Amino acid sequence: MKVEPYLFFDGRCEEALAFYRTALGAEVTALMRFSDSPAPTDASGCAGAAPPPGDKVMHAAFRIGETTLMASDGMNGGQPVFQGMSLSLNPADEAEARRLFAALSEGGQVQMPLSPTFFSPAFGMVADRFGVPWMVVCTPAA
């Protein structure tokens, strides 16, 4: 069994996927739009309710490193909210940690600058431009 994060971007999913491709080297492995559904669906993919615009993303899957994440435009409300969680990136070295942190910080909000800690040579926290909270933590060399 696996646990895979599912992120709802409230109408900004395609923009988020493009950002993660550039910033983190994400690879989109699946993408379905509401217009791809054979029956009218609501934002949960259930038949019957009014769907968001057909060009919006009903479901996407993307890989960052060895991890698969899933995403959607959800209810297409315009402002995603991510609370009570954080995604953690574990780069191989400090240079990669700095690169990833800088990329995620672009248009985002640094919550804790990337710096050495007692448990990592490079640790920082940032909410990216979509509000997704990230921790970048470099594993100390053995």
Protein backbone atom coordinates (compact mmCIF):
# COMPACT_ATOMS: atom_id res chain seq x y z
CA MET A 1 0.00 0.00 0.00
CA LYS A 2 1.15 3.56 -0.72
CA VAL A 3 0.01 6.94 0.53
CA GLU A 4 0.11 9.55 -2.23
CA PRO A 5 -0.69 13.24 -1.74
CA TYR A 6 -3.63 14.63 -3.72
CA LEU A 7 -3.48 18.40 -4.16
CA PHE A 8 -6.49 20.54 -5.13
CA PHE A 9 -5.42 23.75 -6.88
CA ASP A 10 -8.89 25.33 -7.15
CA GLY A 11 -8.59 26.21 -10.83
CA ARG A 12 -4.79 26.63 -11.02
CA CYS A 13 -3.77 23.00 -11.57
CA GLU A 14 -2.34 23.39 -15.06
CA GLU A 15 -0.32 26.41 -13.92
CA ALA A 16 0.95 24.42 -10.91
CA LEU A 17 1.98 21.47 -13.08
CA ALA A 18 3.96 23.78 -15.38
CA PHE A 19 5.64 25.38 -12.35
CA TYR A 20 6.62 22.00 -10.85
CA ARG A 21 8.00 20.84 -14.22
CA THR A 22 10.33 23.84 -14.28
CA ALA A 23 11.12 24.17 -10.57
CA LEU A 24 11.37 20.51 -9.57
CA GLY A 25 11.70 18.54 -12.81
CA ALA A 26 8.23 17.03 -12.35
CA GLU A 27 6.96 14.65 -15.01
CA VAL A 28 3.23 14.63 -15.69
CA THR A 29 2.19 11.00 -16.17
CA ALA A 30 -1.59 11.46 -16.54
CA LEU A 31 -3.94 14.35 -17.23
CA MET A 32 -7.71 14.26 -17.71
CA ARG A 33 -9.87 17.32 -18.20
CA PHE A 34 -13.51 17.66 -17.25
CA SER A 35 -14.26 17.76 -20.99
CA ASP A 36 -12.82 14.21 -21.26
CA SER A 37 -15.60 12.78 -19.10
CA PRO A 38 -18.28 10.94 -21.11
CA ALA A 39 -20.96 12.23 -18.71
CA PRO A 40 -21.35 15.62 -17.05
CA THR A 41 -19.57 15.55 -13.69
CA ASP A 42 -19.01 17.82 -10.76
CA ALA A 43 -15.53 18.59 -9.42
CA SER A 44 -15.39 15.25 -7.59
CA GLY A 45 -15.88 13.39 -10.87
CA CYS A 46 -19.40 12.35 -9.87
CA ALA A 47 -22.17 12.47 -12.43
CA GLY A 48 -25.10 14.79 -12.04
CA ALA A 49 -23.84 18.17 -10.89
CA ALA A 50 -22.65 21.07 -13.02
CA PRO A 51 -19.00 20.63 -13.97
CA PRO A 52 -16.26 23.24 -13.91
CA PRO A 53 -15.23 24.53 -17.35
CA GLY A 54 -14.23 21.65 -19.63
CA ASP A 55 -10.62 22.80 -19.99
CA LYS A 56 -10.02 22.49 -16.24
CA VAL A 57 -8.11 19.50 -14.87
CA MET A 58 -10.28 16.77 -13.38
CA HIS A 59 -7.29 14.58 -12.46
CA ALA A 60 -3.56 14.62 -12.99
CA ALA A 61 -0.70 12.48 -11.75
CA PHE A 62 2.89 13.67 -11.68
CA ARG A 63 6.21 12.41 -10.42
CA ILE A 64 8.85 14.32 -8.52
CA GLY A 65 11.84 12.05 -8.07
CA GLU A 66 10.50 8.72 -6.82
CA THR A 67 7.19 10.11 -5.56
CA THR A 68 3.86 10.26 -7.36
CA LEU A 69 1.50 13.08 -6.47
CA MET A 70 -1.99 13.65 -7.80
CA ALA A 71 -3.73 16.93 -8.49
CA SER A 72 -6.96 18.51 -9.67
CA ASP A 73 -8.62 21.87 -10.18
CA GLY A 74 -11.19 20.66 -7.65
CA MET A 75 -14.08 23.07 -7.23
CA ASN A 76 -12.33 25.71 -9.39
CA GLY A 77 -12.80 28.47 -6.81
CA GLY A 78 -9.64 30.37 -7.68
CA GLN A 79 -7.62 30.31 -4.46
CA PRO A 80 -6.19 27.00 -3.23
CA VAL A 81 -5.75 26.51 0.52
CA PHE A 82 -3.27 24.03 1.97
CA GLN A 83 -3.26 23.69 5.76
CA GLY A 84 -2.04 21.19 8.31
CA MET A 85 0.50 19.52 6.02
CA SER A 86 3.81 20.03 4.28
CA LEU A 87 5.57 18.23 1.46
CA SER A 88 9.20 17.38 2.17
CA LEU A 89 11.99 17.30 -0.41
CA ASN A 90 15.17 15.43 0.45
CA PRO A 91 17.88 16.49 -2.02
CA ALA A 92 21.17 14.60 -2.20
CA ASP A 93 23.39 17.59 -1.42
CA GLU A 94 23.43 21.20 -0.27
CA ALA A 95 23.78 22.64 -3.78
CA GLU A 96 20.62 20.83 -4.90
CA ALA A 97 18.86 21.93 -1.70
CA ARG A 98 19.70 25.58 -2.50
CA ARG A 99 18.51 25.20 -6.11
CA LEU A 100 15.19 23.59 -5.12
CA PHE A 101 14.56 26.06 -2.30
CA ALA A 102 15.22 29.03 -4.58
CA ALA A 103 12.90 27.61 -7.26
CA LEU A 104 10.05 27.01 -4.79
CA SER A 105 10.59 30.45 -3.23
CA GLU A 106 10.05 32.25 -6.55
CA GLY A 107 6.67 33.93 -6.12
CA GLY A 108 6.20 32.13 -2.80
CA GLN A 109 6.77 32.94 0.85
CA VAL A 110 9.83 31.81 2.79
CA GLN A 111 8.78 30.65 6.23
CA MET A 112 12.24 29.59 7.42
CA PRO A 113 15.32 30.45 5.34
CA LEU A 114 17.46 27.57 4.15
CA SER A 115 20.27 27.21 6.68
CA PRO A 116 22.26 24.64 8.65
CA THR A 117 20.55 23.04 11.67
CA PHE A 118 21.63 20.44 14.18
CA PHE A 119 19.95 17.75 12.03
CA SER A 120 20.76 18.96 8.52
CA PRO A 121 23.41 20.97 6.68
CA ALA A 122 20.56 22.68 4.79
CA PHE A 123 16.97 22.92 6.03
CA GLY A 124 14.29 25.45 5.13
CA MET A 125 10.54 25.91 4.83
CA VAL A 126 8.65 27.74 2.08
CA ALA A 127 5.10 28.03 0.79
CA ASP A 128 5.25 28.12 -3.01
CA ARG A 129 3.23 30.52 -5.19
CA PHE A 130 0.17 28.26 -4.86
CA GLY A 131 0.38 28.10 -1.08
CA VAL A 132 1.70 24.51 -0.96
CA PRO A 133 4.03 24.26 2.05
CA TRP A 134 7.40 22.59 1.44
CA MET A 135 10.28 21.58 3.66
CA VAL A 136 13.66 21.15 2.01
CA VAL A 137 15.91 19.02 4.15
CA CYS A 138 19.31 17.79 3.05
CA THR A 139 20.44 14.56 4.68
CA PRO A 140 23.81 14.94 6.41
CA ALA A 141 26.75 13.19 4.74
CA ALA A 142 27.59 9.88 6.42
